[in-house]
Amino acid sequence: MKKFLVFLVLVALAGAGVVVAAERDQRVAVWVNRAATWVGAKPPFEVKTNDAAGERWRTAPVERGTLQSAVLATGTLQPVQTVQVSSQVSGQIVELIADFNSKVKPNDVIARLDPTTFQGRLASAEADLAVAEASIRSKQATLARARSELVRIDEAARDSDRALDRARQLVKTGAVTERSVEQAEVLKAQTYAQVVSSKADIALAEAEIRVAEANVEQKRAAVRIARTDLDRATIRSPIDGIVIDRQVELGQTVAASLSAPTLFVIAAALEEMQLEASIDEADIGRVREGQQVAFTVDAYPGRGFEGRVSQVRRAPKSVQNVVTYTAVVTADNSSGALFPGMTANVRLIVDTRKDVLRIPQAALRFRPAQPAAEAQTQGGQVKRARTVNATAEEGRRARIYLVGTDGALKPVEVRVGLAADTMVEVSGDGVKADDRVVIGRLDDAPERRRAPLGF
């Protein structure tokens, strides 16, 4: 019960926004902070200590925990796969089956064009094919007759040969005159001429058949084209997904003469989304595939989403002399909360340090009024602190100032580790968790007037 009452007092004091500045108030604040620690609560007051020169400082605790270095960027959410469904033929939309957010599967009918024109073209092509096929049958019959005639003429030619031979034998015996021989020779010549003519007719008939066959194939191709155009008048989904855009209305005329117009945009299943983040060229060297990513969208304030880098594209993008590279992040969207086109604020985790000491980066920049501050060593000797470069560059040595138990400044040499946001990792023998590190002068910030602390 006693701890609970003390806790209530602490809450009341914190709610009043008390700032301890005067020496008397500071002692009370120390007492309150110790009481907070005793009940297991976080010390509510930031103690501002005075040195001999009358300086007042802002301090922060040295904390032990996890530190993450991140690259900040913005990006746009997109489906992993999108397909623009177009029309390959022109016509008027007579039926719209799919609409926004319609779920479709491959070969599902999503729209239809007026098929009247295509049906007429198909009927005409089929009629032309029938005529061509009839023509080829007629020419094949002509060829058959020509071949039959050739057989008859060949037999007549052989008969003329035999008749000429008999006439020549009979003229020797005087049974017939020379005129009979001449007539037999003329008949033979005529029959052989008919043989040649018949063979020519056969060759012509065969050529005409080949032309007719080619014409039939042409007509068949025209039928296939007409049938394909009729089939294309029925618009079908090429993939399994969801319709995210419809760009036509019922009754609208689609003209596909110059380019295929887009009718629908279908996205593959939105259970997984793709985030394309624009990374500054100064940070792209720290981005790797497989890194963890956290991001937020304006549609859900305070709600975070996670993903991983799946691809780092090497193609640069330059806008007003600012060069960026695209990092593709794959994110789970099984909840369906993320929509295509949303703008995301991206935080790519490039390094993580666990169980390290961390302090505000402002502590590295603080210097007291006396540049030649001296620190008391453990052996009781006094030495002048070395001047170091107070930056957050990893691996550098730096000097920070802790507030001692006597309220005086204590310079401590530390090694700087990972820097992340406003915090930085430090290590060294002279610093430990729960120390108070100076992050600036109280006079550097606008003075906030608060009621004095009292009981």
Protein backbone atom coordinates (compact mmCIF):
# COMPACT_ATOMS: atom_id res chain seq x y z
CA MET A 1 0.00 0.00 0.00
CA LYS A 2 2.86 2.33 0.83
CA LYS A 3 4.46 1.77 -2.56
CA PHE A 4 1.15 2.43 -4.25
CA LEU A 5 0.73 5.78 -2.45
CA VAL A 6 4.25 6.81 -3.38
CA PHE A 7 3.52 5.87 -6.97
CA LEU A 8 0.39 8.06 -6.96
CA VAL A 9 2.43 10.99 -5.70
CA LEU A 10 4.95 10.42 -8.48
CA VAL A 11 2.21 10.34 -11.10
CA ALA A 12 0.77 13.58 -9.75
CA LEU A 13 4.16 15.25 -9.85
CA ALA A 14 4.88 14.02 -13.37
CA GLY A 15 1.47 15.16 -14.54
CA ALA A 16 2.17 18.65 -13.19
CA GLY A 17 5.24 18.75 -15.47
CA VAL A 18 7.65 19.79 -12.74
CA VAL A 19 11.13 20.71 -13.95
CA VAL A 20 13.86 20.71 -11.35
CA ALA A 21 16.37 23.51 -11.77
CA ALA A 22 17.16 25.09 -8.40
CA GLU A 23 19.51 23.32 -6.06
CA ARG A 24 16.77 22.71 -3.48
CA ASP A 25 14.35 21.33 -6.05
CA GLN A 26 17.09 19.10 -7.44
CA ARG A 27 17.53 17.38 -4.08
CA VAL A 28 13.80 16.73 -3.95
CA ALA A 29 13.86 15.42 -7.54
CA VAL A 30 16.66 13.05 -6.65
CA TRP A 31 14.57 11.80 -3.74
CA VAL A 32 11.54 11.33 -6.01
CA ASN A 33 13.61 9.52 -8.65
CA ARG A 34 14.95 7.18 -5.96
CA ALA A 35 11.42 6.55 -4.75
CA ALA A 36 10.37 5.74 -8.31
CA THR A 37 13.19 3.25 -8.58
CA TRP A 38 12.15 1.74 -5.25
CA VAL A 39 8.60 1.06 -6.51
CA GLY A 40 9.91 -0.24 -9.84
CA ALA A 41 8.85 2.80 -11.90
CA LYS A 42 10.91 4.91 -14.30
CA PRO A 43 12.37 8.09 -12.69
CA PRO A 44 9.98 10.87 -13.77
CA PHE A 45 12.35 13.84 -13.60
CA GLU A 46 15.26 14.97 -15.73
CA VAL A 47 17.74 16.41 -13.27
CA LYS A 48 19.54 19.55 -14.32
CA THR A 49 22.79 19.90 -12.45
CA ASN A 50 24.76 23.07 -11.70
CA ASP A 51 28.54 23.28 -11.85
CA ALA A 52 30.82 25.81 -10.22
CA ALA A 53 30.35 28.24 -13.08
CA GLY A 54 26.59 28.20 -12.60
CA GLU A 55 25.86 26.15 -15.73
CA ARG A 56 22.67 24.14 -15.85
CA TRP A 57 22.65 20.91 -17.84
CA ARG A 58 20.19 18.63 -19.51
CA THR A 59 20.89 14.96 -18.86
CA ALA A 60 19.71 11.59 -20.06
CA PRO A 61 20.21 8.08 -18.70
CA VAL A 62 22.71 5.64 -20.12
CA GLU A 63 20.53 2.72 -21.22
CA ARG A 64 21.26 -0.89 -22.05
CA GLY A 65 19.22 -2.41 -24.82
CA THR A 66 18.90 -3.07 -28.54
CA LEU A 67 20.00 -0.56 -31.15
CA GLN A 68 18.97 -0.75 -34.79
CA SER A 69 20.47 1.24 -37.64
CA ALA A 70 18.03 1.89 -40.43
CA VAL A 71 17.77 3.49 -43.85
CA LEU A 72 14.69 5.65 -44.27
CA ALA A 73 12.90 5.85 -47.60
CA THR A 74 9.51 6.14 -49.22
CA GLY A 75 7.90 3.80 -51.69
CA THR A 76 4.72 2.68 -53.37
CA LEU A 77 2.86 -0.58 -52.85
CA GLN A 78 2.13 -2.62 -55.96
CA PRO A 79 0.76 -6.09 -56.65
CA VAL A 80 3.40 -8.72 -57.31
CA GLN A 81 1.92 -9.25 -60.79
CA THR A 82 -0.51 -7.14 -62.83
CA VAL A 83 -1.92 -7.88 -66.28
CA GLN A 84 -3.57 -5.34 -68.56
CA VAL A 85 -6.39 -7.09 -70.38
CA SER A 86 -6.89 -5.57 -73.84
CA SER A 87 -9.13 -6.17 -76.85
CA GLN A 88 -7.54 -7.34 -80.08
CA VAL A 89 -10.65 -6.53 -82.11
CA SER A 90 -12.87 -3.48 -82.44
CA GLY A 91 -16.49 -3.43 -81.46
CA GLN A 92 -19.11 -2.25 -79.01
CA ILE A 93 -19.25 -3.51 -75.44
CA VAL A 94 -22.58 -5.30 -75.05
CA GLU A 95 -21.92 -7.08 -71.75
CA LEU A 96 -19.74 -6.37 -68.71
CA ILE A 97 -19.47 -9.40 -66.46
CA ALA A 98 -16.53 -8.38 -64.23
CA ASP A 99 -16.35 -5.19 -62.20
CA PHE A 100 -14.00 -3.60 -59.68
CA ASN A 101 -12.81 -6.09 -57.04
CA SER A 102 -14.24 -9.06 -58.95
CA LYS A 103 -12.28 -12.25 -58.35
CA VAL A 104 -11.55 -14.10 -61.57
CA LYS A 105 -9.90 -17.30 -62.70
CA PRO A 106 -8.12 -18.13 -65.97
CA ASN A 107 -10.49 -18.14 -69.00
CA ASP A 108 -13.36 -16.62 -67.03
CA VAL A 109 -15.50 -14.40 -69.30
CA ILE A 110 -15.27 -10.79 -68.08
CA ALA A 111 -16.82 -8.88 -71.04
CA ARG A 112 -18.30 -9.35 -74.51
CA LEU A 113 -18.23 -7.26 -77.67
CA ASP A 114 -21.09 -7.20 -80.18
CA PRO A 115 -20.52 -10.44 -82.17
CA THR A 116 -22.80 -9.62 -85.14
CA THR A 117 -20.04 -8.37 -87.43
CA PHE A 118 -17.73 -11.23 -86.56
CA GLN A 119 -20.46 -13.80 -87.07
CA GLY A 120 -21.15 -12.35 -90.55
CA ARG A 121 -17.46 -12.47 -91.45
CA LEU A 122 -17.27 -16.06 -90.30
CA ALA A 123 -20.32 -17.04 -92.35
CA SER A 124 -18.88 -15.33 -95.44
CA ALA A 125 -15.52 -17.03 -94.98
CA GLU A 126 -17.17 -20.41 -94.56
CA ALA A 127 -19.20 -19.83 -97.76
CA ASP A 128 -16.04 -18.90 -99.67
CA LEU A 129 -14.43 -22.07 -98.38
CA ALA A 130 -17.37 -24.13 -99.59
CA VAL A 131 -17.10 -22.57 -103.07
CA ALA A 132 -13.37 -23.27 -103.18
CA GLU A 133 -13.88 -26.87 -102.11
CA ALA A 134 -16.60 -27.30 -104.80
CA SER A 135 -14.25 -25.82 -107.39
CA ILE A 136 -11.52 -28.25 -106.53
CA ARG A 137 -13.94 -31.16 -106.79
CA SER A 138 -14.98 -29.93 -110.27
CA LYS A 139 -11.39 -29.68 -111.41
CA GLN A 140 -10.66 -33.12 -110.05
CA ALA A 141 -13.55 -34.47 -112.16
CA THR A 142 -12.16 -32.69 -115.23
CA LEU A 143 -8.79 -34.28 -114.58
CA ALA A 144 -10.38 -37.71 -114.36
CA ARG A 145 -12.11 -37.20 -117.72
CA ALA A 146 -8.87 -36.04 -119.31
CA ARG A 147 -7.06 -39.10 -118.09
CA SER A 148 -9.83 -41.36 -119.41
CA GLU A 149 -9.66 -39.59 -122.78
CA LEU A 150 -5.91 -40.10 -122.85
CA VAL A 151 -6.38 -43.85 -122.41
CA ARG A 152 -8.82 -43.92 -125.36
CA ILE A 153 -6.53 -41.85 -127.55
CA ASP A 154 -3.55 -44.03 -126.68
CA GLU A 155 -5.48 -47.08 -127.85
CA ALA A 156 -6.45 -45.26 -131.06
CA ALA A 157 -2.79 -44.36 -131.64
CA ARG A 158 -1.78 -47.98 -131.31
CA ASP A 159 -4.57 -48.93 -133.76
CA SER A 160 -3.25 -46.37 -136.24
CA ASP A 161 0.20 -47.91 -135.96
CA ARG A 162 -1.18 -51.34 -136.79
CA ALA A 163 -3.31 -49.96 -139.68
CA LEU A 164 -0.26 -48.26 -141.19
CA ASP A 165 1.77 -51.46 -140.97
CA ARG A 166 -0.96 -53.45 -142.75
CA ALA A 167 -1.33 -50.82 -145.48
CA ARG A 168 2.40 -50.92 -146.17
CA GLN A 169 2.34 -54.74 -146.45
CA LEU A 170 -0.72 -54.73 -148.70
CA VAL A 171 0.71 -52.10 -151.03
CA LYS A 172 3.60 -54.44 -151.71
CA THR A 173 1.17 -57.13 -152.94
CA GLY A 174 -0.86 -54.62 -154.91
CA ALA A 175 -3.97 -55.17 -152.81
CA VAL A 176 -4.14 -51.45 -151.93
CA THR A 177 -2.84 -48.30 -153.46
CA GLU A 178 -0.28 -45.87 -152.15
CA ARG A 179 -3.13 -43.54 -151.26
CA SER A 180 -4.27 -46.01 -148.56
CA VAL A 181 -0.78 -45.86 -147.05
CA GLU A 182 -0.86 -42.08 -147.04
CA GLN A 183 -4.25 -42.05 -145.34
CA ALA A 184 -2.99 -44.46 -142.67
CA GLU A 185 0.01 -42.19 -142.02
CA VAL A 186 -2.26 -39.12 -141.68
CA LEU A 187 -4.51 -41.00 -139.23
CA LYS A 188 -1.49 -42.00 -137.15
CA ALA A 189 -0.22 -38.44 -137.04
CA GLN A 190 -3.65 -37.17 -135.95
CA THR A 191 -4.02 -39.73 -133.18
CA TYR A 192 -0.55 -38.97 -131.79
CA ALA A 193 -1.34 -35.25 -131.87
CA GLN A 194 -4.45 -36.00 -129.85
CA VAL A 195 -2.30 -37.92 -127.35
CA VAL A 196 -0.05 -34.87 -126.88
CA SER A 197 -3.08 -32.59 -126.54
CA SER A 198 -4.68 -34.91 -124.01
CA LYS A 199 -1.51 -35.00 -121.93
CA ALA A 200 -1.40 -31.19 -122.00
CA ASP A 201 -5.01 -31.09 -120.84
CA ILE A 202 -4.13 -33.42 -117.98
CA ALA A 203 -1.17 -31.24 -116.96
CA LEU A 204 -3.38 -28.15 -117.05
CA ALA A 205 -6.05 -29.86 -114.98
CA GLU A 206 -3.45 -30.92 -112.41
CA ALA A 207 -2.12 -27.34 -112.22
CA GLU A 208 -5.63 -25.99 -111.79
CA ILE A 209 -6.21 -28.49 -109.00
CA ARG A 210 -3.05 -27.31 -107.22
CA VAL A 211 -4.24 -23.71 -107.51
CA ALA A 212 -7.66 -24.74 -106.25
CA GLU A 213 -6.09 -26.59 -103.31
CA ALA A 214 -4.07 -23.48 -102.40
CA ASN A 215 -7.25 -21.43 -102.68
CA VAL A 216 -9.00 -23.87 -100.36
CA GLU A 217 -6.20 -23.48 -97.79
CA GLN A 218 -6.49 -19.71 -98.10
CA LYS A 219 -10.23 -19.90 -97.51
CA ARG A 220 -9.70 -22.20 -94.56
CA ALA A 221 -7.24 -19.69 -93.08
CA ALA A 222 -9.83 -16.95 -93.58
CA VAL A 223 -12.34 -19.10 -91.71
CA ARG A 224 -9.86 -19.61 -88.86
CA ILE A 225 -9.21 -15.86 -88.68
CA ALA A 226 -12.92 -15.09 -88.69
CA ARG A 227 -13.54 -17.69 -86.02
CA THR A 228 -10.65 -16.31 -83.94
CA ASP A 229 -12.01 -12.76 -84.23
CA LEU A 230 -15.41 -14.03 -83.13
CA ASP A 231 -13.78 -15.74 -80.16
CA ARG A 232 -11.83 -12.56 -79.35
CA ALA A 233 -15.11 -10.71 -79.09
CA THR A 234 -15.44 -12.58 -75.80
CA ILE A 235 -12.94 -11.05 -73.34
CA ARG A 236 -11.48 -13.57 -70.90
CA SER A 237 -9.23 -13.34 -67.84
CA PRO A 238 -5.69 -14.59 -68.51
CA ILE A 239 -4.76 -15.16 -64.83
CA ASP A 240 -6.16 -15.97 -61.42
CA GLY A 241 -6.59 -12.72 -59.52
CA ILE A 242 -8.76 -9.72 -58.77
CA VAL A 243 -9.91 -6.86 -61.01
CA ILE A 244 -8.36 -3.66 -59.68
CA ASP A 245 -9.34 -1.39 -62.57
CA ARG A 246 -12.06 -1.29 -65.23
CA GLN A 247 -11.59 1.29 -67.98
CA VAL A 248 -14.68 0.67 -70.17
CA GLU A 249 -18.40 1.15 -69.81
CA LEU A 250 -21.35 -0.76 -71.19
CA GLY A 251 -22.10 0.41 -74.74
CA GLN A 252 -18.66 1.93 -75.26
CA THR A 253 -17.02 1.34 -78.64
CA VAL A 254 -13.56 -0.18 -78.53
CA ALA A 255 -11.22 0.73 -81.40
CA ALA A 256 -8.27 -1.62 -81.74
CA SER A 257 -7.06 -0.47 -85.15
CA LEU A 258 -3.94 1.38 -83.94
CA SER A 259 -3.23 -0.11 -80.52
CA ALA A 260 -4.91 -2.58 -78.23
CA PRO A 261 -6.99 -0.58 -75.72
CA THR A 262 -6.83 -1.61 -72.06
CA LEU A 263 -10.20 -2.80 -70.75
CA PHE A 264 -9.29 -4.24 -67.34
CA VAL A 265 -6.29 -4.39 -65.02
CA ILE A 266 -6.10 -7.66 -63.12
CA ALA A 267 -3.72 -8.21 -60.21
CA ALA A 268 -2.57 -11.58 -59.03
CA ALA A 269 -3.69 -12.58 -55.55
CA LEU A 270 -3.15 -9.60 -53.21
CA GLU A 271 -2.19 -11.79 -50.24
CA GLU A 272 1.36 -10.70 -51.02
CA MET A 273 2.33 -7.16 -52.00
CA GLN A 274 5.44 -5.64 -53.51
CA LEU A 275 6.85 -2.38 -52.19
CA GLU A 276 9.21 -0.42 -54.43
CA ALA A 277 11.28 1.82 -52.17
CA SER A 278 13.47 4.65 -53.51
CA ILE A 279 16.85 4.47 -51.76
CA ASP A 280 19.26 7.40 -51.84
CA GLU A 281 22.59 6.64 -53.51
CA ALA A 282 24.38 7.41 -50.23
CA ASP A 283 22.52 4.57 -48.49
CA ILE A 284 22.21 1.95 -51.23
CA GLY A 285 25.55 0.38 -50.30
CA ARG A 286 24.09 -0.76 -46.96
CA VAL A 287 20.99 -2.37 -48.45
CA ARG A 288 21.10 -6.12 -49.06
CA GLU A 289 18.61 -8.78 -50.11
CA GLY A 290 16.98 -10.48 -47.15
CA GLN A 291 17.14 -7.48 -44.81
CA GLN A 292 14.15 -6.88 -42.57
CA VAL A 293 11.91 -3.92 -43.41
CA ALA A 294 9.31 -2.08 -41.35
CA PHE A 295 6.93 0.39 -42.94
CA THR A 296 3.77 2.35 -42.29
CA VAL A 297 1.04 3.75 -44.50
CA ASP A 298 -1.05 6.84 -43.96
CA ALA A 299 -4.26 4.83 -44.06
CA TYR A 300 -3.44 3.14 -40.74
CA PRO A 301 -1.73 5.59 -38.34
CA GLY A 302 0.21 3.81 -35.65
CA ARG A 303 0.03 0.42 -37.35
CA GLY A 304 3.21 -1.15 -38.60
CA PHE A 305 3.82 -3.66 -41.37
CA GLU A 306 6.83 -5.85 -42.06
CA GLY A 307 8.59 -7.28 -45.08
CA ARG A 308 11.95 -8.28 -46.49
CA VAL A 309 14.12 -6.97 -49.30
CA SER A 310 13.74 -9.35 -52.23
CA GLN A 311 15.65 -7.40 -54.88
CA VAL A 312 18.00 -4.43 -55.17
CA ARG A 313 17.80 -3.03 -58.68
CA ARG A 314 20.96 -1.56 -60.15
CA ALA A 315 19.25 0.77 -62.61
CA PRO A 316 19.55 4.36 -61.33
CA LYS A 317 16.76 6.91 -61.36
CA SER A 318 17.65 10.59 -61.53
CA VAL A 319 15.16 13.32 -60.68
CA GLN A 320 16.50 16.90 -60.53
CA ASN A 321 20.05 15.56 -60.13
CA VAL A 322 19.02 13.36 -57.18
CA VAL A 323 20.01 9.75 -57.87
CA THR A 324 18.07 6.93 -56.24
CA TYR A 325 17.90 3.17 -56.61
CA THR A 326 14.91 0.88 -56.21
CA ALA A 327 14.76 -1.77 -53.50
CA VAL A 328 11.90 -4.22 -53.94
CA VAL A 329 10.33 -5.34 -50.66
CA THR A 330 7.97 -8.31 -50.43
CA ALA A 331 5.34 -7.88 -47.72
CA ASP A 332 2.60 -10.14 -46.41
CA ASN A 333 -0.93 -8.86 -46.97
CA SER A 334 -3.02 -11.77 -45.78
CA SER A 335 -5.14 -9.30 -43.81
CA GLY A 336 -6.01 -7.42 -47.00
CA ALA A 337 -5.28 -4.07 -45.36
CA LEU A 338 -2.77 -2.92 -47.98
CA PHE A 339 -4.06 -1.56 -51.28
CA PRO A 340 -2.13 -1.08 -54.53
CA GLY A 341 -0.79 2.44 -54.92
CA MET A 342 -0.48 3.25 -51.22
CA THR A 343 2.51 5.38 -50.24
CA ALA A 344 4.66 3.77 -47.57
CA ASN A 345 7.22 5.24 -45.18
CA VAL A 346 9.94 2.62 -45.18
CA ARG A 347 12.53 1.76 -42.55
CA LEU A 348 15.11 -0.78 -43.73
CA ILE A 349 16.96 -2.38 -40.82
CA VAL A 350 20.60 -2.54 -41.98
CA ASP A 351 22.26 -3.41 -38.64
CA THR A 352 21.14 -4.58 -35.18
CA ARG A 353 23.12 -4.55 -31.93
CA LYS A 354 21.67 -6.26 -28.87
CA ASP A 355 22.46 -5.67 -25.19
CA VAL A 356 24.63 -2.60 -25.76
CA LEU A 357 24.98 0.71 -23.94
CA ARG A 358 23.28 3.56 -25.78
CA ILE A 359 23.12 7.30 -25.26
CA PRO A 360 21.70 10.25 -27.20
CA GLN A 361 24.02 11.45 -29.96
CA ALA A 362 23.79 14.95 -28.48
CA ALA A 363 26.04 13.73 -25.65
CA LEU A 364 28.94 13.44 -28.11
CA ARG A 365 28.62 17.11 -29.06
CA PHE A 366 28.41 18.56 -25.54
CA ARG A 367 31.39 20.52 -24.20
CA PRO A 368 31.45 22.38 -20.88
CA ALA A 369 32.29 26.06 -20.60
CA GLN A 370 35.86 25.24 -19.52
CA PRO A 371 37.54 23.53 -22.49
CA ALA A 372 40.30 22.22 -20.25
CA ALA A 373 38.08 20.23 -17.92
CA GLU A 374 39.89 17.87 -15.63
CA ALA A 375 38.76 14.48 -14.42
CA GLN A 376 39.60 12.58 -11.26
CA THR A 377 41.01 9.14 -11.95
CA GLN A 378 40.42 6.09 -9.79
CA GLY A 379 43.87 6.44 -8.23
CA GLY A 380 43.15 9.97 -7.07
CA GLN A 381 45.37 11.57 -9.69
CA VAL A 382 44.15 14.45 -11.86
CA LYS A 383 44.77 14.36 -15.58
CA ARG A 384 43.73 16.64 -18.43
CA ALA A 385 41.28 14.98 -20.81
CA ARG A 386 42.41 14.59 -24.39
CA THR A 387 40.56 16.47 -27.11
CA VAL A 388 38.81 14.03 -29.44
CA ASN A 389 36.52 14.32 -32.40
CA ALA A 390 32.98 14.01 -31.00
CA THR A 391 31.23 12.36 -33.93
CA ALA A 392 29.00 9.33 -34.20
CA GLU A 393 31.29 7.58 -36.69
CA GLU A 394 31.66 3.96 -35.68
CA GLY A 395 35.01 3.00 -34.18
CA ARG A 396 35.99 6.54 -33.17
CA ARG A 397 36.87 7.47 -29.62
CA ALA A 398 34.94 10.31 -28.07
CA ARG A 399 34.49 12.08 -24.76
CA ILE A 400 31.22 12.27 -22.91
CA TYR A 401 30.40 13.92 -19.60
CA LEU A 402 28.66 12.06 -16.81
CA VAL A 403 27.15 13.63 -13.71
CA GLY A 404 28.97 12.32 -10.66
CA THR A 405 27.42 11.53 -7.31
CA ASP A 406 28.67 14.90 -6.07
CA GLY A 407 26.90 16.71 -8.91
CA ALA A 408 30.14 17.54 -10.73
CA LEU A 409 30.96 16.72 -14.34
CA LYS A 410 33.04 13.64 -14.99
CA PRO A 411 34.62 13.35 -18.46
CA VAL A 412 34.76 9.77 -19.70
CA GLU A 413 36.51 8.36 -22.75
CA VAL A 414 34.29 5.97 -24.77
CA ARG A 415 34.41 4.17 -28.06
CA VAL A 416 31.59 4.99 -30.45
CA GLY A 417 29.67 2.10 -31.98
CA LEU A 418 26.54 1.89 -34.08
CA ALA A 419 24.58 5.11 -34.61
CA ALA A 420 20.83 4.88 -35.12
CA ASP A 421 18.38 7.76 -35.31
CA THR A 422 19.15 9.96 -32.27
CA MET A 423 20.95 7.25 -30.27
CA VAL A 424 24.46 5.87 -30.48
CA GLU A 425 26.23 2.84 -29.05
CA VAL A 426 29.11 3.49 -26.65
CA SER A 427 31.49 1.26 -24.72
CA GLY A 428 34.20 1.84 -22.18
CA ASP A 429 35.25 1.12 -18.61
CA GLY A 430 34.04 4.46 -17.31
CA VAL A 431 30.41 4.19 -18.36
CA LYS A 432 27.65 1.83 -17.24
CA ALA A 433 23.90 1.55 -17.40
CA ASP A 434 21.84 4.07 -15.39
CA ASP A 435 24.62 6.69 -15.41
CA ARG A 436 23.42 10.20 -16.21
CA VAL A 437 25.09 11.68 -19.29
CA VAL A 438 24.98 15.38 -20.14
CA ILE A 439 23.36 16.09 -23.51
CA GLY A 440 23.39 19.90 -23.44
CA ARG A 441 23.00 23.09 -21.47
CA LEU A 442 19.62 24.00 -20.14
CA ASP A 443 20.17 27.53 -21.43
CA ASP A 444 20.50 26.16 -24.98
CA ALA A 445 16.79 25.29 -25.03
CA PRO A 446 13.86 27.68 -24.47
CA GLU A 447 13.15 27.97 -20.74
CA ARG A 448 9.81 26.48 -19.79
CA ARG A 449 8.26 28.07 -16.75
CA ARG A 450 6.90 25.54 -14.32
CA ALA A 451 5.57 25.78 -10.81
CA PRO A 452 8.30 25.16 -8.20
CA LEU A 453 8.38 21.76 -6.58
CA GLY A 454 7.13 21.66 -3.04
CA PHE A 455 5.24 19.56 -0.54
